[in-house]
Amino acid sequence: MPEKNISYCVPTLQLAWRWASTEFVKRYPDRPKPILTCTYRPNEEQADLYAKGRTKPGKIVTQIKSGGKHNKSPAQAYDVGFKKLDGSLDWTGENFKLFAEITKEKYPQVVWGGNWKMKDLPHFEI
C-alpha cells in the first residue's frame, strides 16, 4: 500500500498540500474534500503498478517502472482524490483543475499532471 501521509514528502510539497487543501475547502465547501491517495510508494509497488496492462491484467496506470517522484525518500510527489460525504471518491476532472489552480497561486513550482500530454489528473510534483 502506498503511504498517504504528507510527512513523507519534501517540505515544499507539505506546505503546498496543507495550504491548497485548506483553501479548496474554504472556497468550495459544497464540493468533495481533497484527500491524499499517495505520497511515498516503494519501488517494488511501483514495478507492480507498471506491470498492469503489460504483463498483468488491467489497464495501464503508469509509465514509470521505478525511481519516480513517489519512489524517492522524501517523496517529490503526491496524488490526490476527492471524498464525498458518503465516503466514496469523486474523480471529476473539474475538482482536480480547481485544486491545481489554487496550488499554483502560492506554489507555482508544483507541477500538475493534468497539464501533461499524457494526463495524470491526481498527480502533483516538484
Protein backbone atom coordinates (compact mmCIF):
# COMPACT_ATOMS: atom_id res chain seq x y z
CA MET A 1 0.00 0.00 0.00
CA PRO A 2 1.27 3.47 -0.77
CA GLU A 3 1.82 5.91 2.06
CA LYS A 4 -0.79 8.66 2.34
CA ASN A 5 0.87 10.84 4.96
CA ILE A 6 2.14 14.20 3.74
CA SER A 7 5.15 13.96 6.09
CA TYR A 8 6.69 11.52 3.58
CA CYS A 9 7.02 14.39 1.07
CA VAL A 10 9.61 17.14 0.70
CA PRO A 11 8.86 20.26 2.79
CA THR A 12 7.61 22.38 -0.13
CA LEU A 13 5.01 19.77 -1.03
CA GLN A 14 3.95 19.51 2.60
CA LEU A 15 3.31 23.25 2.69
CA ALA A 16 1.60 23.24 -0.72
CA TRP A 17 -0.74 20.40 0.28
CA ARG A 18 -1.70 21.95 3.60
CA TRP A 19 -2.39 25.34 2.07
CA ALA A 20 -4.19 24.16 -1.08
CA SER A 21 -6.38 21.59 0.67
CA THR A 22 -7.46 24.16 3.27
CA GLU A 23 -8.13 26.80 0.60
CA PHE A 24 -10.09 24.35 -1.54
CA VAL A 25 -12.46 23.55 1.34
CA LYS A 26 -12.88 27.28 2.14
CA ARG A 27 -13.61 28.23 -1.46
CA TYR A 28 -15.69 25.20 -2.43
CA PRO A 29 -17.43 23.99 0.74
CA ASP A 30 -20.06 22.06 -1.23
CA ARG A 31 -17.56 20.08 -3.31
CA PRO A 32 -15.96 16.79 -2.23
CA LYS A 33 -12.99 17.30 0.11
CA PRO A 34 -9.42 16.74 -1.13
CA ILE A 35 -7.57 13.79 0.36
CA LEU A 36 -4.15 12.29 -0.23
CA THR A 37 -4.20 8.96 -2.05
CA CYS A 38 -0.43 8.51 -2.36
CA THR A 39 2.73 10.19 -1.14
CA TYR A 40 5.54 7.61 -0.95
CA ARG A 41 5.44 4.32 -2.87
CA PRO A 42 8.23 1.69 -2.67
CA ASN A 43 9.93 0.73 -5.97
CA GLU A 44 8.54 -2.82 -5.70
CA GLU A 45 5.00 -1.48 -5.60
CA GLN A 46 5.79 0.87 -8.48
CA ALA A 47 7.03 -2.08 -10.56
CA ASP A 48 3.81 -3.95 -9.77
CA LEU A 49 1.72 -0.97 -10.95
CA TYR A 50 3.83 -0.73 -14.10
CA ALA A 51 3.07 -4.40 -14.88
CA LYS A 52 -0.69 -3.66 -15.05
CA GLY A 53 -1.82 -3.72 -18.64
CA ARG A 54 1.53 -5.12 -19.70
CA THR A 55 2.32 -8.43 -18.00
CA LYS A 56 -0.64 -8.35 -15.58
CA PRO A 57 -4.35 -7.94 -16.30
CA GLY A 58 -5.88 -4.48 -16.26
CA LYS A 59 -5.41 -1.10 -17.86
CA ILE A 60 -2.03 0.67 -17.98
CA VAL A 61 -1.92 3.02 -14.99
CA THR A 62 1.65 4.36 -15.09
CA GLN A 63 4.57 4.94 -17.42
CA ILE A 64 7.16 4.77 -14.62
CA LYS A 65 8.77 1.40 -13.77
CA SER A 66 10.64 2.61 -10.68
CA GLY A 67 12.66 5.56 -9.47
CA GLY A 68 9.79 8.04 -9.95
CA LYS A 69 8.97 11.05 -7.83
CA HIS A 70 6.80 8.91 -5.50
CA ASN A 71 9.66 6.42 -5.05
CA LYS A 72 12.19 8.86 -3.59
CA SER A 73 12.62 9.48 0.11
CA PRO A 74 11.42 12.06 0.85
CA ALA A 75 8.85 11.81 -1.95
CA GLN A 76 8.75 14.55 -4.55
CA ALA A 77 5.10 13.95 -5.50
CA TYR A 78 1.66 13.30 -4.12
CA ASP A 79 -1.62 12.17 -5.61
CA VAL A 80 -4.99 13.49 -4.51
CA GLY A 81 -8.58 12.36 -4.71
CA PHE A 82 -11.82 13.94 -3.58
CA LYS A 83 -14.02 12.36 -0.91
CA LYS A 84 -17.79 12.82 -0.95
CA LEU A 85 -19.94 12.93 2.18
CA ASP A 86 -20.92 9.29 1.68
CA GLY A 87 -17.23 8.30 1.78
CA SER A 88 -16.95 7.46 -1.92
CA LEU A 89 -14.32 9.10 -4.09
CA ASP A 90 -15.13 11.61 -6.81
CA TRP A 91 -12.72 11.62 -9.77
CA THR A 92 -14.38 14.57 -11.58
CA GLY A 93 -11.80 16.46 -13.59
CA GLU A 94 -13.14 19.85 -12.51
CA ASN A 95 -12.12 19.20 -8.88
CA PHE A 96 -8.53 18.48 -9.93
CA LYS A 97 -8.44 21.58 -12.13
CA LEU A 98 -9.68 23.82 -9.32
CA PHE A 99 -7.22 22.26 -6.87
CA ALA A 100 -4.36 22.78 -9.33
CA GLU A 101 -5.31 26.44 -9.84
CA ILE A 102 -5.31 27.03 -6.10
CA THR A 103 -1.96 25.26 -5.68
CA LYS A 104 -0.38 27.34 -8.47
CA GLU A 105 -1.41 30.61 -6.77
CA LYS A 106 1.04 30.17 -3.91
CA TYR A 107 3.26 27.30 -5.09
CA PRO A 108 3.98 27.81 -8.83
CA GLN A 109 6.89 25.37 -8.59
CA VAL A 110 4.45 22.50 -8.03
CA VAL A 111 3.66 20.85 -11.36
CA TRP A 112 0.23 19.34 -12.05
CA GLY A 113 0.00 16.15 -14.09
CA GLY A 114 -3.22 17.43 -15.67
CA ASN A 115 -1.10 19.72 -17.85
CA TRP A 116 0.91 16.87 -19.35
CA LYS A 117 0.38 15.30 -22.78
CA MET A 118 -0.49 12.01 -21.04
CA LYS A 119 -2.83 13.44 -18.39
CA ASP A 120 -2.40 12.38 -14.75
CA LEU A 121 -5.07 14.45 -13.01
CA PRO A 122 -4.44 13.31 -9.41
CA HIS A 123 -0.65 13.90 -9.61
CA PHE A 124 1.28 16.90 -8.23
CA GLU A 125 5.08 17.03 -8.12
CA ILE A 126 8.06 19.26 -7.60
